């Protein structure tokens, strides 16, 4: 899988011990550990600012390396609420962003208090998660999806086969960006036409590949470079022009470029919207059971998958029209 670089040099030792714990004992994915590191860095820097223990006005520049456990022990629930207000007020952080930071803070204080006993009281014990707005996800229509695939077929593009395979996998399988970038060739079972990916929470799941996906992968593998590939990228399915595992940013650039080429709004659609598109098309046209869709997308909660049951109003309209009172005037 793709290696994730996590900068821990400026951390206090207790934070690095926590990150080790989440990686080895909780078996969190490298991406999750990186998120914990970022969230808790921001939180601890704010605490020093909030406690007036630094003269630095820019939160990002505050040094937390020498922060003591005694300071952490003084943190209260009100201080955490103050941090969340700071995020909303100064950075216009959305509820979903604050919810993620709350999750990181909860796990951290559970470790500090209950697992290690480094502090006596857990200030996050009664910390609530902000209510999230449930919005209907943006997605490409079937016609727009076909238009996008046609746009990628531009034979003048030297990366045509690679980019077509990337878009095809997104639109057919609904995988996450990190999952696609992390694919190794050995993860693909060509006989059974299936693929194993590592999703959120370091959980492995199987994605079955249809004819379009297998065809696109095979055409790309036929021209994929084999010489002078970076040593740590030899197993990677998708390579960049520098012959190393393709990066998240490069994939995002490819998707944006192809959306623009297809005449689609790049402010409205993105890599993640292609995941929404795949899920919506499967639910709308494939009569896919909601539980099967949950398994395919790697959602931990069925409530996350249920957003796709609300995107098609046709069934609702038909239900109203089929009411026996519909034609009485």
Protein backbone atom coordinates (compact mmCIF):
# COMPACT_ATOMS: atom_id res chain seq x y z
CA UNK A 1 0.00 0.00 0.00
CA UNK A 2 1.01 3.63 -0.40
CA UNK A 3 3.34 4.91 2.32
CA UNK A 4 2.01 7.90 4.25
CA UNK A 5 4.52 10.39 5.68
CA UNK A 6 3.62 11.65 9.14
CA UNK A 7 5.64 14.52 10.63
CA UNK A 8 6.06 13.80 14.36
CA UNK A 9 9.27 15.73 15.03
CA UNK A 10 7.53 18.67 16.69
CA UNK A 11 5.30 16.52 18.90
CA UNK A 12 5.53 16.05 22.66
CA UNK A 13 6.47 12.48 23.59
CA UNK A 14 3.02 11.64 24.96
CA UNK A 15 1.41 12.49 21.60
CA UNK A 16 3.85 10.28 19.72
CA UNK A 17 3.15 7.46 22.19
CA UNK A 18 -0.56 7.89 21.44
CA UNK A 19 0.09 7.73 17.68
CA UNK A 20 2.12 4.54 18.17
CA UNK A 21 -0.78 3.08 20.15
CA UNK A 22 -3.35 3.89 17.45
CA UNK A 23 -1.16 2.40 14.72
CA UNK A 24 -0.09 -0.80 16.52
CA UNK A 25 -2.83 -1.63 19.03
CA UNK A 26 -5.92 -0.03 17.44
CA UNK A 27 -4.55 -0.97 14.00
CA UNK A 28 -5.62 2.32 12.46
CA UNK A 29 -4.61 3.01 8.86
CA UNK A 30 -1.68 5.36 8.13
CA UNK A 31 -4.15 7.95 6.79
CA UNK A 32 -6.17 7.83 10.03
CA UNK A 33 -3.01 8.17 12.15
CA UNK A 34 -2.01 11.16 9.99
CA UNK A 35 -5.43 12.73 10.64
CA UNK A 36 -5.06 12.15 14.40
CA UNK A 37 -1.65 13.80 14.29
CA UNK A 38 -2.97 16.85 12.43
CA UNK A 39 -6.12 17.23 14.55
CA UNK A 40 -4.34 16.88 17.89
CA UNK A 41 -1.47 19.15 16.83
CA UNK A 42 -4.02 21.87 16.08
CA UNK A 43 -5.87 21.21 19.34
CA UNK A 44 -2.78 21.27 21.58
CA UNK A 45 -1.47 24.42 19.90
CA UNK A 46 -4.80 26.08 20.55
CA UNK A 47 -4.66 25.00 24.21
CA UNK A 48 -1.30 26.75 24.73
CA UNK A 49 -2.76 29.85 23.05
CA UNK A 50 -5.99 29.58 25.07
CA UNK A 51 -4.09 29.13 28.37
CA UNK A 52 -1.89 32.15 27.46
CA UNK A 53 1.22 29.98 27.69
CA UNK A 54 2.68 31.42 24.49
CA UNK A 55 3.15 34.87 22.97
CA UNK A 56 2.72 33.50 19.45
CA UNK A 57 -0.48 34.82 17.83
CA UNK A 58 -0.43 32.49 14.83
CA UNK A 59 -1.76 29.13 16.03
CA UNK A 60 0.12 27.24 13.31
CA UNK A 61 3.48 28.57 14.52
CA UNK A 62 3.06 27.55 18.17
CA UNK A 63 5.62 25.02 19.43
CA UNK A 64 4.11 22.14 21.42
CA UNK A 65 7.20 19.91 21.69
CA UNK A 66 7.85 20.78 25.34
CA UNK A 67 4.18 20.76 26.37
CA UNK A 68 3.77 18.90 29.65
CA UNK A 69 1.21 16.31 30.72
CA UNK A 70 0.36 18.65 33.62
CA UNK A 71 -0.96 21.14 31.05
CA UNK A 72 -3.05 18.43 29.39
CA UNK A 73 -4.46 17.47 32.79
CA UNK A 74 -5.85 21.02 33.20
CA UNK A 75 -7.98 20.81 30.05
CA UNK A 76 -11.73 20.87 30.71
CA UNK A 77 -14.79 20.25 28.58
CA UNK A 78 -15.26 24.03 28.34
CA UNK A 79 -11.76 24.34 26.86
CA UNK A 80 -12.63 21.77 24.19
CA UNK A 81 -15.85 23.65 23.41
CA UNK A 82 -13.79 26.84 23.14
CA UNK A 83 -11.53 25.11 20.60
CA UNK A 84 -14.51 24.02 18.51
CA UNK A 85 -15.93 27.55 18.56
CA UNK A 86 -12.50 28.86 17.50
CA UNK A 87 -12.53 26.52 14.49
CA UNK A 88 -16.05 27.51 13.48
CA UNK A 89 -15.47 31.23 14.01
CA UNK A 90 -11.94 31.65 12.63
CA UNK A 91 -11.79 28.96 9.96
CA UNK A 92 -15.51 28.51 9.20
CA UNK A 93 -15.04 24.79 9.85
CA UNK A 94 -18.05 22.73 8.84
CA UNK A 95 -19.85 20.44 11.27
CA UNK A 96 -18.29 17.38 9.60
CA UNK A 97 -14.78 18.79 10.10
CA UNK A 98 -15.46 19.55 13.76
CA UNK A 99 -16.96 16.09 14.20
CA UNK A 100 -13.72 14.51 12.95
CA UNK A 101 -11.65 16.56 15.39
CA UNK A 102 -14.01 15.60 18.21
CA UNK A 103 -13.46 11.95 17.33
CA UNK A 104 -9.67 12.44 17.47
CA UNK A 105 -9.91 14.26 20.82
CA UNK A 106 -12.11 11.51 22.30
CA UNK A 107 -9.69 8.73 21.35
CA UNK A 108 -6.73 10.77 22.63
CA UNK A 109 -8.21 11.46 26.05
CA UNK A 110 -9.43 7.88 26.40
CA UNK A 111 -5.81 6.82 25.90
CA UNK A 112 -4.40 9.45 28.26
CA UNK A 113 -6.91 8.78 31.05
CA UNK A 114 -8.22 5.22 30.78
CA UNK A 115 -5.45 3.35 28.96
CA UNK A 116 -2.35 5.00 30.42
CA UNK A 117 -3.63 6.78 33.53
CA UNK A 118 -1.50 9.83 32.72
CA UNK A 119 -4.34 12.17 33.72
CA UNK A 120 -7.06 11.65 36.33
CA UNK A 121 -10.14 13.03 34.58
CA UNK A 122 -11.30 12.63 30.99
CA UNK A 123 -12.60 16.05 29.85
CA UNK A 124 -14.00 14.53 26.64
CA UNK A 125 -16.19 12.00 28.44
CA UNK A 126 -19.38 13.99 27.83
CA UNK A 127 -18.23 15.63 24.60
CA UNK A 128 -21.07 15.63 22.07
CA UNK A 129 -20.77 15.44 18.29
CA UNK A 130 -22.33 18.34 16.33
CA UNK A 131 -25.47 17.49 14.41
CA UNK A 132 -24.53 16.92 10.79
CA UNK A 133 -26.59 18.26 7.92
CA UNK A 134 -27.78 15.41 5.72
CA UNK A 135 -27.56 16.60 2.16
CA UNK A 136 -28.34 14.80 -1.04
CA UNK A 137 -24.96 14.07 -2.64
CA UNK A 138 -24.01 15.64 -5.97
CA UNK A 139 -23.47 13.09 -8.72
CA UNK A 140 -23.17 12.77 -12.48
CA UNK A 141 -26.18 11.58 -14.44
CA UNK A 142 -25.83 8.47 -16.57
CA UNK A 143 -25.48 10.64 -19.71
CA UNK A 144 -22.84 12.84 -18.05
CA UNK A 145 -20.95 9.72 -16.92
CA UNK A 146 -20.89 8.42 -20.51
CA UNK A 147 -19.78 11.86 -21.70
CA UNK A 148 -16.89 11.81 -19.22
CA UNK A 149 -15.74 8.36 -20.35
CA UNK A 150 -15.83 9.49 -23.97
CA UNK A 151 -13.73 12.55 -23.11
CA UNK A 152 -11.03 10.38 -21.53
CA UNK A 153 -10.68 8.35 -24.72
CA UNK A 154 -8.67 11.16 -26.32
CA UNK A 155 -6.05 9.20 -28.24
CA UNK A 156 -3.73 12.21 -28.40
CA UNK A 157 -3.12 11.97 -24.66
CA UNK A 158 -0.05 9.84 -23.90
CA UNK A 159 -1.61 8.74 -20.59
CA UNK A 160 -4.89 7.81 -22.23
CA UNK A 161 -5.03 4.15 -21.10
CA UNK A 162 -4.04 4.96 -17.51
CA UNK A 163 -6.47 7.84 -17.10
CA UNK A 164 -9.31 5.90 -18.72
CA UNK A 165 -8.74 3.01 -16.30
CA UNK A 166 -8.76 5.42 -13.34
CA UNK A 167 -12.05 7.07 -14.35
CA UNK A 168 -13.60 3.69 -15.16
CA UNK A 169 -12.77 2.27 -11.73
CA UNK A 170 -14.16 5.35 -9.98
CA UNK A 171 -17.43 5.32 -11.95
CA UNK A 172 -17.99 1.55 -11.74
CA UNK A 173 -16.70 0.64 -8.28
CA UNK A 174 -17.25 3.74 -6.14
CA UNK A 175 -13.88 3.41 -4.43
CA UNK A 176 -12.23 6.16 -2.43
CA UNK A 177 -9.26 8.17 -3.73
CA UNK A 178 -6.85 6.61 -1.21
CA UNK A 179 -8.10 3.13 -2.13
CA UNK A 180 -7.45 3.63 -5.84
CA UNK A 181 -3.99 5.14 -5.30
CA UNK A 182 -3.07 2.26 -2.98
CA UNK A 183 -3.92 -0.55 -5.44
CA UNK A 184 -1.11 -3.02 -6.09
CA UNK A 185 -1.17 -5.33 -9.11
CA UNK A 186 -1.07 -8.35 -6.78
CA UNK A 187 -4.30 -7.10 -5.17
CA UNK A 188 -6.17 -7.97 -8.38
CA UNK A 189 -7.47 -11.50 -8.91
CA UNK A 190 -7.71 -11.64 -12.70
CA UNK A 191 -9.34 -15.09 -12.76
CA UNK A 192 -12.16 -14.20 -10.36
CA UNK A 193 -12.30 -10.57 -11.55
CA UNK A 194 -12.08 -9.02 -8.12
CA UNK A 195 -9.87 -6.62 -6.21
CA UNK A 196 -8.96 -6.25 -2.53
CA UNK A 197 -8.62 -2.70 -1.19
CA UNK A 198 -7.81 -1.26 2.23
CA UNK A 199 -10.48 1.26 3.22
CA UNK A 200 -11.17 3.44 6.23
CA UNK A 201 -10.14 2.03 9.58
CA UNK A 202 -7.58 -0.22 7.84
CA UNK A 203 -10.42 -2.55 6.87
CA UNK A 204 -9.94 -4.79 3.86
CA UNK A 205 -12.83 -5.45 1.51
CA UNK A 206 -13.42 -7.07 -1.84
CA UNK A 207 -14.57 -5.13 -4.89
CA UNK A 208 -15.82 -7.16 -7.83
CA UNK A 209 -14.73 -5.90 -11.23
CA UNK A 210 -17.11 -5.84 -14.17
CA UNK A 211 -16.18 -6.23 -17.84
CA UNK A 212 -15.50 -2.50 -18.32
CA UNK A 213 -13.07 -2.42 -15.39
CA UNK A 214 -11.19 -5.58 -16.43
CA UNK A 215 -10.91 -4.36 -20.01
CA UNK A 216 -9.60 -0.93 -18.93
CA UNK A 217 -7.08 -2.44 -16.48
CA UNK A 218 -5.76 -4.94 -19.02
CA UNK A 219 -5.34 -2.28 -21.71
CA UNK A 220 -3.41 -0.10 -19.27
CA UNK A 221 -1.21 -2.99 -18.06
CA UNK A 222 -0.30 -3.71 -21.66
CA UNK A 223 1.48 -0.34 -21.91
CA UNK A 224 2.35 0.28 -18.22
CA UNK A 225 6.09 0.99 -17.80
CA UNK A 226 8.20 -1.83 -16.34
CA UNK A 227 11.70 -0.37 -16.64
CA UNK A 228 13.17 2.24 -14.30
CA UNK A 229 10.17 2.11 -11.96
CA UNK A 230 10.97 3.47 -8.48
CA UNK A 231 11.82 0.57 -6.15
CA UNK A 232 8.99 1.21 -3.67
CA UNK A 233 6.48 1.54 -6.54
CA UNK A 234 7.20 -1.68 -8.46
CA UNK A 235 3.94 -3.26 -7.25
CA UNK A 236 1.78 -0.16 -7.77
CA UNK A 237 -0.95 -0.46 -10.38
CA UNK A 238 -1.03 3.21 -11.38
CA UNK A 239 2.25 5.01 -12.02
CA UNK A 240 3.02 8.68 -12.56
CA UNK A 241 5.20 9.95 -15.39
CA UNK A 242 8.10 9.80 -12.94
CA UNK A 243 7.48 6.06 -12.74
CA UNK A 244 6.42 6.05 -9.11
CA UNK A 245 3.08 5.32 -7.46
CA UNK A 246 0.60 7.95 -8.58
CA UNK A 247 -0.26 10.53 -5.92
CA UNK A 248 -3.63 11.71 -4.64
CA UNK A 249 -2.96 15.13 -6.12
CA UNK A 250 -2.16 13.76 -9.57
CA UNK A 251 -5.38 11.72 -9.62
CA UNK A 252 -7.35 14.80 -8.57
CA UNK A 253 -5.70 16.76 -11.39
CA UNK A 254 -6.56 14.00 -13.91
CA UNK A 255 -10.21 13.93 -12.85
CA UNK A 256 -10.50 17.71 -12.98
CA UNK A 257 -8.86 17.83 -16.42
CA UNK A 258 -11.19 15.17 -17.84
CA UNK A 259 -14.30 16.73 -16.29
CA UNK A 260 -13.37 20.03 -17.92
CA UNK A 261 -12.73 18.28 -21.24
CA UNK A 262 -16.21 16.73 -21.02
CA UNK A 263 -17.74 20.17 -20.45
CA UNK A 264 -18.72 19.39 -16.84
CA UNK A 265 -18.56 21.84 -13.94
CA UNK A 266 -15.28 21.27 -12.04
CA UNK A 267 -16.55 23.40 -9.14
CA UNK A 268 -19.49 21.05 -8.71
CA UNK A 269 -17.85 17.69 -9.37
CA UNK A 270 -14.69 16.07 -8.02
CA UNK A 271 -13.09 12.68 -7.32
CA UNK A 272 -15.42 12.08 -4.37
CA UNK A 273 -18.43 12.98 -6.51
CA UNK A 274 -17.46 10.12 -8.84
CA UNK A 275 -17.80 7.80 -5.84
CA UNK A 276 -21.28 9.25 -5.26
CA UNK A 277 -22.02 8.75 -8.95
CA UNK A 278 -21.11 5.07 -8.89
CA UNK A 279 -23.25 4.44 -5.81
CA UNK A 280 -26.20 6.37 -7.25
CA UNK A 281 -26.09 4.63 -10.64
CA UNK A 282 -25.91 1.20 -9.00
CA UNK A 283 -28.84 1.98 -6.73
CA UNK A 284 -30.94 3.69 -9.40
CA UNK A 285 -30.41 1.28 -12.30
CA UNK A 286 -29.21 -1.93 -10.70
CA UNK A 287 -31.87 -2.51 -8.03
CA UNK A 288 -28.99 -3.03 -5.60
CA UNK A 289 -29.89 -3.98 -2.04
CA UNK A 290 -28.90 -1.23 0.40
CA UNK A 291 -26.88 -3.72 2.50
CA UNK A 292 -24.94 -4.87 -0.58
CA UNK A 293 -24.24 -1.23 -1.45
CA UNK A 294 -23.01 -0.62 2.11
CA UNK A 295 -20.59 -3.54 1.78
CA UNK A 296 -19.40 -2.40 -1.65
CA UNK A 297 -18.71 1.18 -0.52
CA UNK A 298 -17.13 0.15 2.78
CA UNK A 299 -19.49 2.18 4.95
CA UNK A 300 -19.34 1.36 8.64
CA UNK A 301 -22.91 2.55 9.22
CA UNK A 302 -25.95 1.82 7.07
CA UNK A 303 -27.13 5.40 7.71
CA UNK A 304 -24.22 6.67 5.58
CA UNK A 305 -25.33 4.49 2.68
CA UNK A 306 -28.97 5.54 3.04
CA UNK A 307 -28.26 8.94 1.46
CA UNK A 308 -28.29 7.15 -1.89
CA UNK A 309 -31.86 5.97 -1.35
CA UNK A 310 -33.05 9.58 -1.48
CA UNK A 311 -31.37 10.76 -4.66
CA UNK A 312 -33.92 9.38 -7.12
CA UNK A 313 -37.33 11.04 -6.90
CA UNK A 314 -38.86 8.86 -9.64
CA UNK A 315 -39.98 6.17 -7.21
CA UNK A 316 -41.49 8.78 -4.90
CA UNK A 317 -43.34 10.43 -7.79
CA UNK A 318 -44.64 7.04 -8.98
CA UNK A 319 -45.84 6.22 -5.48
CA UNK A 320 -47.86 9.42 -5.34
CA UNK A 321 -49.26 8.88 -8.84
CA UNK A 322 -50.32 5.34 -7.96
CA UNK A 323 -52.49 6.54 -5.10
CA UNK A 324 -56.09 5.49 -5.98
CA UNK A 325 -57.24 9.03 -5.24
CA UNK A 326 -54.75 10.56 -7.71
CA UNK A 327 -57.28 11.19 -10.52
CA UNK A 328 -60.23 12.38 -8.47
CA UNK A 329 -60.85 16.08 -9.22
